[in-house]
Amino acid sequence: MTRILLVAATILLAGCAGAATFDTGRLSTNTSRLDFATIAGGGRDMHTQIFGNPFAIPDDFFADSVTAVFNTRNSRSPSNFTTRPGPSARPNFRLVLTFNPAERGLPSRLCRSPETIPLAPASTRPIRLQIAFCQGDKDISSRRGTLADATGPEDPRFQNFLAQALQLTQPERNRFRRFD
C-alpha cells in the first residue's frame, strides 16, 4: 500500500513539474467584463508591449510568437494582439508583459514605465512573468506567474502558460461588481 501511494505521489509531482503558478492578481473594482471584451478590444488591434525574452531567440520573433498565442488561444476578447497596432487600436488601452523581471515590481509600474523595470538574463529559470491590462498609466488587472521551464515559444508548456495568463488577466466577471 505504501509503495502504491509513493508511486502515485511521484507521478503526480512529475506531472506538476512543468506546471504554471499564478498569484491571486489584482482587478480594479471599477472594471467590467465589457471593458475587456468590447471597449478595449472589440475586434480592434490591442497594443501589446513585451519586455524581456526568456529564450535565446530574436526579440521580434519572440514577440510575434507571444501575440500569435494570444490571438489563437483567446476566447474572452475579440482583439488582435499586436506589437505594431494600427489605427483601429484604442490608444488608452494596452497589454504589457515583462518576462523575468529582476525585481518584483508593482503592477502600476508596468503601466507607467515598463521600460524601467530591470530584467534578469534570458536563461533565468523559472520563467517569471508580470502581465497587466492597462488603461492609460493605471492597471485594470494584473497577474504574476511562474513557469518552471520551457524550451522555446513553441513549447506547449509555454503556450499554455501564456494562454492562462491572458485568461486570468481578462476575468469572466468582476467579483467586486454585483451585476457583472
N, C-alpha and C. Protein backbone atom coordinates (compact mmCIF):
# COMPACT_ATOMS: atom_id res chain seq x y z
N MET A 1 0.82 -1.18 0.00
CA MET A 1 0.00 0.00 0.00
C MET A 1 0.87 1.26 0.00
N THR A 2 1.91 1.26 0.83
CA THR A 2 2.80 2.41 0.89
C THR A 2 3.49 2.61 -0.45
N ARG A 3 3.87 1.53 -1.09
CA ARG A 3 4.53 1.62 -2.39
C ARG A 3 3.59 2.22 -3.43
N ILE A 4 2.33 1.87 -3.42
CA ILE A 4 1.35 2.41 -4.36
C ILE A 4 1.20 3.91 -4.14
N LEU A 5 1.12 4.32 -2.89
CA LEU A 5 0.99 5.75 -2.59
C LEU A 5 2.24 6.52 -3.03
N LEU A 6 3.40 5.92 -2.83
CA LEU A 6 4.65 6.56 -3.23
C LEU A 6 4.71 6.72 -4.75
N VAL A 7 4.32 5.69 -5.49
CA VAL A 7 4.30 5.76 -6.96
C VAL A 7 3.29 6.81 -7.41
N ALA A 8 2.12 6.84 -6.83
CA ALA A 8 1.10 7.82 -7.20
C ALA A 8 1.58 9.25 -6.93
N ALA A 9 2.23 9.45 -5.80
CA ALA A 9 2.75 10.79 -5.47
C ALA A 9 3.85 11.20 -6.44
N THR A 10 4.69 10.26 -6.83
CA THR A 10 5.76 10.56 -7.78
C THR A 10 5.19 10.95 -9.14
N ILE A 11 4.19 10.23 -9.60
CA ILE A 11 3.54 10.55 -10.88
C ILE A 11 2.89 11.92 -10.81
N LEU A 12 2.22 12.19 -9.72
CA LEU A 12 1.56 13.49 -9.55
C LEU A 12 2.58 14.63 -9.56
N LEU A 13 3.67 14.48 -8.84
CA LEU A 13 4.70 15.51 -8.82
C LEU A 13 5.37 15.67 -10.17
N ALA A 14 5.59 14.60 -10.88
CA ALA A 14 6.20 14.68 -12.21
C ALA A 14 5.29 15.44 -13.16
N GLY A 15 4.00 15.23 -13.05
CA GLY A 15 3.04 15.94 -13.89
C GLY A 15 2.98 17.41 -13.58
N CYS A 16 3.29 17.79 -12.35
CA CYS A 16 3.25 19.19 -11.94
C CYS A 16 4.56 19.91 -12.18
N ALA A 17 5.60 19.18 -12.55
CA ALA A 17 6.93 19.79 -12.67
C ALA A 17 6.96 20.94 -13.66
N GLY A 18 6.19 20.86 -14.73
CA GLY A 18 6.17 21.92 -15.71
C GLY A 18 4.98 22.85 -15.54
N ALA A 19 4.27 22.72 -14.45
CA ALA A 19 3.05 23.49 -14.25
C ALA A 19 3.35 24.95 -13.97
N ALA A 20 2.41 25.77 -14.38
CA ALA A 20 2.49 27.21 -14.13
C ALA A 20 1.76 27.54 -12.84
N THR A 21 2.25 28.54 -12.15
CA THR A 21 1.55 29.04 -10.96
C THR A 21 1.34 30.53 -11.15
N PHE A 22 0.24 31.03 -10.60
CA PHE A 22 -0.09 32.45 -10.67
C PHE A 22 -0.52 32.94 -9.31
N ASP A 23 -0.24 34.21 -9.05
CA ASP A 23 -0.71 34.81 -7.81
C ASP A 23 -2.20 35.14 -7.95
N THR A 24 -2.78 35.65 -6.90
CA THR A 24 -4.21 35.96 -6.94
C THR A 24 -4.51 37.18 -7.81
N GLY A 25 -3.50 37.97 -8.07
CA GLY A 25 -3.66 39.08 -9.00
C GLY A 25 -4.38 40.27 -8.43
N ARG A 26 -4.56 41.23 -9.31
CA ARG A 26 -5.24 42.46 -8.94
C ARG A 26 -6.27 42.76 -10.01
N LEU A 27 -7.45 43.16 -9.59
CA LEU A 27 -8.52 43.54 -10.50
C LEU A 27 -9.14 44.82 -9.97
N SER A 28 -9.17 45.84 -10.80
CA SER A 28 -9.76 47.11 -10.40
C SER A 28 -11.24 46.91 -10.09
N THR A 29 -11.70 47.54 -9.05
CA THR A 29 -13.12 47.42 -8.69
C THR A 29 -14.01 48.16 -9.68
N ASN A 30 -13.44 49.00 -10.51
CA ASN A 30 -14.23 49.76 -11.50
C ASN A 30 -14.35 49.04 -12.83
N THR A 31 -13.76 47.88 -12.95
CA THR A 31 -13.69 47.20 -14.24
C THR A 31 -14.87 46.27 -14.45
N SER A 32 -15.40 46.31 -15.63
CA SER A 32 -16.47 45.40 -16.04
C SER A 32 -15.92 44.49 -17.12
N ARG A 33 -16.53 43.34 -17.32
CA ARG A 33 -16.08 42.46 -18.39
C ARG A 33 -16.23 43.14 -19.75
N LEU A 34 -17.12 44.13 -19.83
CA LEU A 34 -17.27 44.87 -21.07
C LEU A 34 -16.02 45.66 -21.40
N ASP A 35 -15.28 46.09 -20.37
CA ASP A 35 -14.03 46.81 -20.61
C ASP A 35 -13.06 45.96 -21.42
N PHE A 36 -13.04 44.68 -21.14
CA PHE A 36 -12.13 43.78 -21.84
C PHE A 36 -12.68 43.39 -23.21
N ALA A 37 -13.92 42.98 -23.25
CA ALA A 37 -14.48 42.37 -24.45
C ALA A 37 -14.87 43.37 -25.53
N THR A 38 -15.33 44.54 -25.15
CA THR A 38 -15.84 45.44 -26.18
C THR A 38 -15.14 46.79 -26.22
N ILE A 39 -14.94 47.41 -25.09
CA ILE A 39 -14.38 48.76 -25.09
C ILE A 39 -12.92 48.73 -25.50
N ALA A 40 -12.11 47.92 -24.86
CA ALA A 40 -10.67 47.91 -25.14
C ALA A 40 -10.35 47.13 -26.41
N GLY A 41 -10.96 45.99 -26.58
CA GLY A 41 -10.64 45.14 -27.73
C GLY A 41 -11.68 45.26 -28.81
N GLY A 42 -12.76 44.57 -28.65
CA GLY A 42 -13.88 44.67 -29.57
C GLY A 42 -13.52 44.54 -31.04
N GLY A 43 -12.65 43.59 -31.39
CA GLY A 43 -12.29 43.37 -32.77
C GLY A 43 -11.20 44.31 -33.28
N ARG A 44 -10.67 45.12 -32.41
CA ARG A 44 -9.62 46.07 -32.79
C ARG A 44 -8.23 45.50 -32.47
N ASP A 45 -7.22 46.24 -32.94
CA ASP A 45 -5.85 45.92 -32.53
C ASP A 45 -5.71 46.24 -31.04
N MET A 46 -5.03 45.36 -30.31
CA MET A 46 -4.70 45.60 -28.91
C MET A 46 -3.19 45.76 -28.82
N HIS A 47 -2.75 46.97 -28.51
CA HIS A 47 -1.32 47.22 -28.40
C HIS A 47 -0.75 46.33 -27.30
N THR A 48 0.22 45.52 -27.65
CA THR A 48 0.83 44.58 -26.73
C THR A 48 2.31 44.93 -26.63
N GLN A 49 2.74 45.29 -25.43
CA GLN A 49 4.14 45.63 -25.20
C GLN A 49 4.80 44.48 -24.46
N ILE A 50 5.93 44.04 -24.98
CA ILE A 50 6.63 42.89 -24.40
C ILE A 50 8.06 43.30 -24.06
N PHE A 51 8.41 43.12 -22.80
CA PHE A 51 9.75 43.44 -22.32
C PHE A 51 10.38 42.16 -21.80
N GLY A 52 11.60 41.90 -22.21
CA GLY A 52 12.29 40.68 -21.81
C GLY A 52 11.99 39.55 -22.77
N ASN A 53 12.85 38.55 -22.74
CA ASN A 53 12.75 37.41 -23.63
C ASN A 53 13.45 36.24 -22.93
N PRO A 54 12.70 35.23 -22.50
CA PRO A 54 13.31 34.13 -21.73
C PRO A 54 14.04 33.09 -22.58
N PHE A 55 14.14 33.33 -23.89
CA PHE A 55 14.77 32.35 -24.78
C PHE A 55 15.86 33.03 -25.62
N ALA A 56 16.79 32.25 -26.08
CA ALA A 56 17.89 32.77 -26.90
C ALA A 56 17.45 32.84 -28.37
N ILE A 57 16.46 33.68 -28.63
CA ILE A 57 15.94 33.89 -29.99
C ILE A 57 15.77 35.39 -30.19
N PRO A 58 15.66 35.84 -31.44
CA PRO A 58 15.47 37.28 -31.68
C PRO A 58 14.19 37.81 -31.02
N ASP A 59 14.28 39.01 -30.49
CA ASP A 59 13.14 39.61 -29.78
C ASP A 59 11.90 39.73 -30.65
N ASP A 60 12.06 40.10 -31.93
CA ASP A 60 10.89 40.24 -32.81
C ASP A 60 10.18 38.91 -33.01
N PHE A 61 10.96 37.84 -33.19
CA PHE A 61 10.37 36.51 -33.36
C PHE A 61 9.64 36.10 -32.08
N PHE A 62 10.26 36.39 -30.94
CA PHE A 62 9.62 36.06 -29.66
C PHE A 62 8.31 36.82 -29.50
N ALA A 63 8.33 38.12 -29.76
CA ALA A 63 7.11 38.94 -29.62
C ALA A 63 6.01 38.45 -30.55
N ASP A 64 6.35 38.11 -31.79
CA ASP A 64 5.36 37.59 -32.72
C ASP A 64 4.80 36.25 -32.23
N SER A 65 5.64 35.43 -31.61
CA SER A 65 5.18 34.14 -31.07
C SER A 65 4.19 34.34 -29.92
N VAL A 66 4.47 35.31 -29.05
CA VAL A 66 3.59 35.59 -27.92
C VAL A 66 2.23 36.09 -28.41
N THR A 67 2.24 37.07 -29.31
CA THR A 67 0.96 37.60 -29.79
C THR A 67 0.19 36.55 -30.60
N ALA A 68 0.90 35.65 -31.28
CA ALA A 68 0.21 34.58 -32.01
C ALA A 68 -0.55 33.67 -31.05
N VAL A 69 0.06 33.36 -29.91
CA VAL A 69 -0.64 32.54 -28.90
C VAL A 69 -1.88 33.29 -28.41
N PHE A 70 -1.73 34.57 -28.12
CA PHE A 70 -2.88 35.35 -27.64
C PHE A 70 -3.99 35.39 -28.67
N ASN A 71 -3.65 35.50 -29.94
CA ASN A 71 -4.66 35.61 -30.98
C ASN A 71 -5.35 34.29 -31.29
N THR A 72 -4.67 33.18 -31.03
CA THR A 72 -5.28 31.88 -31.32
C THR A 72 -5.89 31.21 -30.10
N ARG A 73 -5.52 31.65 -28.90
CA ARG A 73 -5.99 30.97 -27.69
C ARG A 73 -6.76 31.91 -26.77
N ASN A 74 -7.41 32.90 -27.34
CA ASN A 74 -8.14 33.89 -26.55
C ASN A 74 -9.63 33.77 -26.84
N SER A 75 -10.40 33.43 -25.85
CA SER A 75 -11.84 33.27 -26.06
C SER A 75 -12.66 34.40 -25.42
N ARG A 76 -12.00 35.33 -24.74
CA ARG A 76 -12.75 36.33 -23.99
C ARG A 76 -12.80 37.71 -24.62
N SER A 77 -11.85 38.03 -25.45
CA SER A 77 -11.80 39.37 -26.02
C SER A 77 -11.48 39.27 -27.51
N PRO A 78 -12.41 39.65 -28.36
CA PRO A 78 -12.14 39.57 -29.80
C PRO A 78 -11.19 40.69 -30.22
N SER A 79 -9.92 40.51 -29.94
CA SER A 79 -8.90 41.51 -30.21
C SER A 79 -7.81 40.92 -31.09
N ASN A 80 -7.10 41.80 -31.76
CA ASN A 80 -5.91 41.41 -32.50
C ASN A 80 -4.71 41.91 -31.70
N PHE A 81 -4.13 41.03 -30.90
CA PHE A 81 -2.98 41.40 -30.08
C PHE A 81 -1.77 41.58 -31.00
N THR A 82 -1.14 42.75 -30.92
CA THR A 82 -0.03 43.06 -31.80
C THR A 82 0.92 44.06 -31.16
N THR A 83 2.19 43.92 -31.49
CA THR A 83 3.18 44.88 -31.00
C THR A 83 3.26 46.09 -31.94
N ARG A 84 2.58 46.00 -33.08
CA ARG A 84 2.55 47.09 -34.06
C ARG A 84 1.10 47.44 -34.38
N PRO A 85 0.41 48.10 -33.44
CA PRO A 85 -1.02 48.36 -33.64
C PRO A 85 -1.27 49.36 -34.77
N GLY A 86 -2.39 49.15 -35.43
CA GLY A 86 -2.82 50.07 -36.49
C GLY A 86 -3.80 51.10 -35.93
N PRO A 87 -4.46 51.82 -36.81
CA PRO A 87 -5.36 52.90 -36.37
C PRO A 87 -6.60 52.40 -35.63
N SER A 88 -6.91 51.11 -35.71
CA SER A 88 -8.11 50.62 -35.01
C SER A 88 -7.89 50.49 -33.50
N ALA A 89 -6.63 50.50 -33.06
CA ALA A 89 -6.32 50.32 -31.63
C ALA A 89 -6.82 51.52 -30.82
N ARG A 90 -7.33 51.23 -29.65
CA ARG A 90 -7.69 52.30 -28.72
C ARG A 90 -6.40 52.71 -28.00
N PRO A 91 -5.97 53.96 -28.17
CA PRO A 91 -4.67 54.36 -27.64
C PRO A 91 -4.56 54.32 -26.12
N ASN A 92 -5.67 54.32 -25.44
CA ASN A 92 -5.62 54.35 -23.97
C ASN A 92 -5.51 52.96 -23.35
N PHE A 93 -5.67 51.89 -24.15
CA PHE A 93 -5.64 50.52 -23.63
C PHE A 93 -4.46 49.77 -24.22
N ARG A 94 -3.83 48.94 -23.38
CA ARG A 94 -2.76 48.07 -23.87
C ARG A 94 -2.52 46.95 -22.88
N LEU A 95 -1.85 45.92 -23.37
CA LEU A 95 -1.46 44.79 -22.55
C LEU A 95 0.06 44.85 -22.44
N VAL A 96 0.59 44.78 -21.22
CA VAL A 96 2.04 44.88 -21.01
C VAL A 96 2.52 43.61 -20.32
N LEU A 97 3.58 43.02 -20.88
CA LEU A 97 4.18 41.81 -20.30
C LEU A 97 5.66 42.07 -20.04
N THR A 98 6.13 41.62 -18.90
CA THR A 98 7.55 41.66 -18.58
C THR A 98 7.98 40.24 -18.21
N PHE A 99 8.92 39.71 -18.97
CA PHE A 99 9.45 38.37 -18.71
C PHE A 99 10.73 38.47 -17.91
N ASN A 100 10.81 37.69 -16.86
CA ASN A 100 11.96 37.60 -15.97
C ASN A 100 12.40 38.96 -15.43
N PRO A 101 11.46 39.67 -14.80
CA PRO A 101 11.87 40.92 -14.16
C PRO A 101 12.86 40.60 -13.04
N ALA A 102 13.87 41.44 -12.90
CA ALA A 102 14.91 41.20 -11.89
C ALA A 102 14.41 41.49 -10.49
N GLU A 103 13.34 42.23 -10.39
CA GLU A 103 12.75 42.54 -9.09
C GLU A 103 11.24 42.45 -9.19
N ARG A 104 10.63 42.25 -8.08
CA ARG A 104 9.17 42.16 -8.05
C ARG A 104 8.62 43.59 -8.03
N GLY A 105 8.12 44.02 -9.16
CA GLY A 105 7.63 45.38 -9.28
C GLY A 105 6.15 45.50 -9.00
N LEU A 106 5.73 46.72 -8.81
CA LEU A 106 4.31 46.98 -8.62
C LEU A 106 3.59 46.90 -9.96
N PRO A 107 2.38 46.35 -10.00
CA PRO A 107 1.65 46.28 -11.26
C PRO A 107 1.46 47.65 -11.91
N SER A 108 1.28 48.68 -11.11
CA SER A 108 1.07 50.01 -11.68
C SER A 108 2.32 50.48 -12.44
N ARG A 109 3.49 50.02 -12.04
CA ARG A 109 4.72 50.40 -12.74
C ARG A 109 4.75 49.80 -14.14
N LEU A 110 4.11 48.65 -14.32
CA LEU A 110 4.02 48.05 -15.65
C LEU A 110 3.29 48.98 -16.62
N CYS A 111 2.34 49.73 -16.12
CA CYS A 111 1.57 50.63 -16.97
C CYS A 111 2.20 52.01 -17.08
N ARG A 112 2.91 52.42 -16.06
CA ARG A 112 3.52 53.77 -16.07
C ARG A 112 4.84 53.80 -16.82
N SER A 113 5.73 52.85 -16.51
CA SER A 113 7.08 52.91 -17.08
C SER A 113 7.71 51.51 -17.15
N PRO A 114 7.15 50.62 -17.97
CA PRO A 114 7.66 49.25 -18.01
C PRO A 114 9.10 49.14 -18.49
N GLU A 115 9.52 50.11 -19.30
CA GLU A 115 10.88 50.06 -19.83
C GLU A 115 11.94 50.28 -18.75
N THR A 116 11.54 50.75 -17.58
CA THR A 116 12.49 50.98 -16.49
C THR A 116 12.65 49.77 -15.57
N ILE A 117 11.88 48.73 -15.78
CA ILE A 117 11.96 47.54 -14.92
C ILE A 117 13.18 46.73 -15.33
N PRO A 118 14.14 46.51 -14.41
CA PRO A 118 15.33 45.72 -14.76
C PRO A 118 14.95 44.26 -15.01
N LEU A 119 15.64 43.66 -15.98
CA LEU A 119 15.34 42.29 -16.37
C LEU A 119 16.51 41.37 -16.03
N ALA A 120 16.18 40.14 -15.65
CA ALA A 120 17.19 39.10 -15.41
C ALA A 120 17.63 38.52 -16.75
N PRO A 121 18.75 37.81 -16.80
CA PRO A 121 19.19 37.20 -18.06
C PRO A 121 18.14 36.24 -18.63
N ALA A 122 18.16 36.09 -19.95
CA ALA A 122 17.18 35.23 -20.63
C ALA A 122 17.19 33.80 -20.10
N SER A 123 18.34 33.32 -19.69
CA SER A 123 18.46 31.93 -19.25
C SER A 123 17.91 31.69 -17.84
N THR A 124 17.44 32.73 -17.16
CA THR A 124 16.94 32.59 -15.80
C THR A 124 15.75 31.64 -15.76
N ARG A 125 15.80 30.69 -14.85
CA ARG A 125 14.69 29.77 -14.63
C ARG A 125 14.39 29.75 -13.16
N PRO A 126 13.18 29.65 -12.73
CA PRO A 126 11.99 29.52 -13.55
C PRO A 126 11.70 30.81 -14.33
N ILE A 127 10.88 30.68 -15.38
CA ILE A 127 10.45 31.84 -16.16
C ILE A 127 9.41 32.58 -15.34
N ARG A 128 9.64 33.87 -15.13
CA ARG A 128 8.69 34.70 -14.38
C ARG A 128 8.03 35.68 -15.33
N LEU A 129 6.77 35.94 -15.11
CA LEU A 129 6.01 36.85 -15.95
C LEU A 129 5.21 37.80 -15.08
N GLN A 130 5.23 39.07 -15.44
CA GLN A 130 4.30 40.05 -14.89
C GLN A 130 3.50 40.54 -16.07
N ILE A 131 2.18 40.52 -15.96
CA ILE A 131 1.30 40.92 -17.05
C ILE A 131 0.25 41.88 -16.50
N ALA A 132 -0.02 42.94 -17.25
CA ALA A 132 -1.02 43.92 -16.81
C ALA A 132 -1.83 44.40 -17.99
N PHE A 133 -3.11 44.53 -17.78
CA PHE A 133 -4.00 45.15 -18.74
C PHE A 133 -4.12 46.59 -18.28
N CYS A 134 -3.69 47.52 -19.13
CA CYS A 134 -3.56 48.92 -18.73
C CYS A 134 -4.58 49.81 -19.42
N GLN A 135 -5.05 50.77 -18.66
CA GLN A 135 -5.84 51.87 -19.21
C GLN A 135 -5.06 53.13 -18.84
N GLY A 136 -4.42 53.72 -19.83
CA GLY A 136 -3.51 54.83 -19.55
C GLY A 136 -2.36 54.33 -18.72
N ASP A 137 -2.07 55.02 -17.62
CA ASP A 137 -0.97 54.59 -16.75
C ASP A 137 -1.44 53.82 -15.53
N LYS A 138 -2.69 53.33 -15.58
CA LYS A 138 -3.25 52.54 -14.45
C LYS A 138 -3.49 51.10 -14.90
N ASP A 139 -3.23 50.18 -13.97
CA ASP A 139 -3.51 48.79 -14.30
C ASP A 139 -4.95 48.46 -13.92
N ILE A 140 -5.67 47.91 -14.88
CA ILE A 140 -7.05 47.46 -14.65
C ILE A 140 -7.02 46.08 -14.01
N SER A 141 -6.13 45.25 -14.49
CA SER A 141 -5.93 43.92 -13.90
C SER A 141 -4.49 43.52 -14.13
N SER A 142 -3.99 42.68 -13.25
CA SER A 142 -2.61 42.23 -13.37
C SER A 142 -2.42 40.90 -12.67
N ARG A 143 -1.40 40.19 -13.11
CA ARG A 143 -1.03 38.90 -12.52
C ARG A 143 0.47 38.73 -12.57
N ARG A 144 0.95 37.88 -11.69
CA ARG A 144 2.33 37.40 -11.74
C ARG A 144 2.26 35.89 -11.87
N GLY A 145 3.11 35.36 -12.74
CA GLY A 145 3.11 33.92 -12.94
C GLY A 145 4.52 33.39 -13.03
N THR A 146 4.64 32.09 -12.81
CA THR A 146 5.93 31.41 -12.87
C THR A 146 5.74 30.09 -13.60
N LEU A 147 6.68 29.80 -14.50
CA LEU A 147 6.70 28.54 -15.22
C LEU A 147 8.08 27.92 -14.98
N ALA A 148 8.10 26.67 -14.54
CA ALA A 148 9.36 26.01 -14.18
C ALA A 148 10.38 26.07 -15.31
N ASP A 149 9.98 25.73 -16.50
CA ASP A 149 10.91 25.75 -17.63
C ASP A 149 10.13 25.56 -18.92
N ALA A 150 10.75 25.93 -20.02
CA ALA A 150 10.22 25.70 -21.36
C ALA A 150 11.40 25.80 -22.31
N THR A 151 11.30 25.11 -23.43
CA THR A 151 12.41 25.07 -24.38
C THR A 151 12.37 26.21 -25.39
N GLY A 152 11.22 26.81 -25.57
CA GLY A 152 11.07 27.90 -26.53
C GLY A 152 9.62 28.30 -26.65
N PRO A 153 9.32 29.27 -27.50
CA PRO A 153 7.93 29.74 -27.61
C PRO A 153 6.98 28.70 -28.21
N GLU A 154 7.51 27.67 -28.88
CA GLU A 154 6.65 26.63 -29.44
C GLU A 154 6.32 25.54 -28.42
N ASP A 155 7.00 25.55 -27.30
CA ASP A 155 6.78 24.55 -26.25
C ASP A 155 5.35 24.66 -25.74
N PRO A 156 4.58 23.58 -25.76
CA PRO A 156 3.19 23.64 -25.29
C PRO A 156 3.06 24.16 -23.85
N ARG A 157 4.06 23.89 -23.00
CA ARG A 157 4.01 24.39 -21.63
C ARG A 157 4.03 25.92 -21.63
N PHE A 158 4.86 26.51 -22.47
CA PHE A 158 4.95 27.96 -22.54
C PHE A 158 3.67 28.55 -23.15
N GLN A 159 3.16 27.93 -24.19
CA GLN A 159 1.93 28.42 -24.81
C GLN A 159 0.75 28.33 -23.85
N ASN A 160 0.66 27.26 -23.09
CA ASN A 160 -0.41 27.14 -22.08
C ASN A 160 -0.25 28.20 -20.99
N PHE A 161 0.98 28.45 -20.60
CA PHE A 161 1.29 29.49 -19.60
C PHE A 161 0.79 30.85 -20.08
N LEU A 162 1.10 31.20 -21.32
CA LEU A 162 0.65 32.48 -21.88
C LEU A 162 -0.88 32.55 -21.97
N ALA A 163 -1.49 31.49 -22.47
CA ALA A 163 -2.95 31.48 -22.61
C ALA A 163 -3.62 31.63 -21.24
N GLN A 164 -3.08 30.96 -20.25
CA GLN A 164 -3.65 31.06 -18.90
C GLN A 164 -3.44 32.46 -18.33
N ALA A 165 -2.28 33.05 -18.56
CA ALA A 165 -2.01 34.40 -18.07
C ALA A 165 -3.00 35.40 -18.67
N LEU A 166 -3.23 35.28 -19.98
CA LEU A 166 -4.17 36.19 -20.63
C LEU A 166 -5.58 36.00 -20.10
N GLN A 167 -5.98 34.77 -19.94
CA GLN A 167 -7.33 34.48 -19.43
C GLN A 167 -7.50 35.04 -18.02
N LEU A 168 -6.50 34.89 -17.18
CA LEU A 168 -6.60 35.39 -15.81
C LEU A 168 -6.57 36.92 -15.75
N THR A 169 -5.98 37.54 -16.76
CA THR A 169 -5.93 39.00 -16.81
C THR A 169 -7.22 39.58 -17.36
N GLN A 170 -8.02 38.76 -18.02
CA GLN A 170 -9.31 39.17 -18.55
C GLN A 170 -10.40 38.32 -17.88
N PRO A 171 -10.71 38.59 -16.64
CA PRO A 171 -11.65 37.74 -15.92
C PRO A 171 -13.03 37.74 -16.56
N GLU A 172 -13.71 36.62 -16.41
CA GLU A 172 -15.06 36.48 -16.96
C GLU A 172 -16.03 37.42 -16.26
N ARG A 173 -15.80 37.61 -14.98
CA ARG A 173 -16.64 38.55 -14.24
C ARG A 173 -15.81 39.18 -13.14
N ASN A 174 -16.22 40.35 -12.73
CA ASN A 174 -15.53 41.07 -11.67
C ASN A 174 -16.22 40.75 -10.35
N ARG A 175 -15.52 40.09 -9.47
CA ARG A 175 -16.12 39.68 -8.18
C ARG A 175 -16.47 40.87 -7.31
N PHE A 176 -15.97 42.07 -7.66
CA PHE A 176 -16.27 43.26 -6.88
C PHE A 176 -17.53 43.98 -7.35
N ARG A 177 -18.04 43.59 -8.52
CA ARG A 177 -19.21 44.26 -9.06
C ARG A 177 -20.40 43.32 -8.96
N ARG A 178 -21.47 43.82 -8.43
CA ARG A 178 -22.63 42.98 -8.15
C ARG A 178 -23.28 42.44 -9.41
N PHE A 179 -23.40 43.22 -10.46
CA PHE A 179 -24.15 42.79 -11.64
C PHE A 179 -23.26 42.54 -12.85
N ASP A 180 -22.02 42.22 -12.65
CA ASP A 180 -21.11 41.98 -13.77
C ASP A 180 -21.21 40.55 -14.24
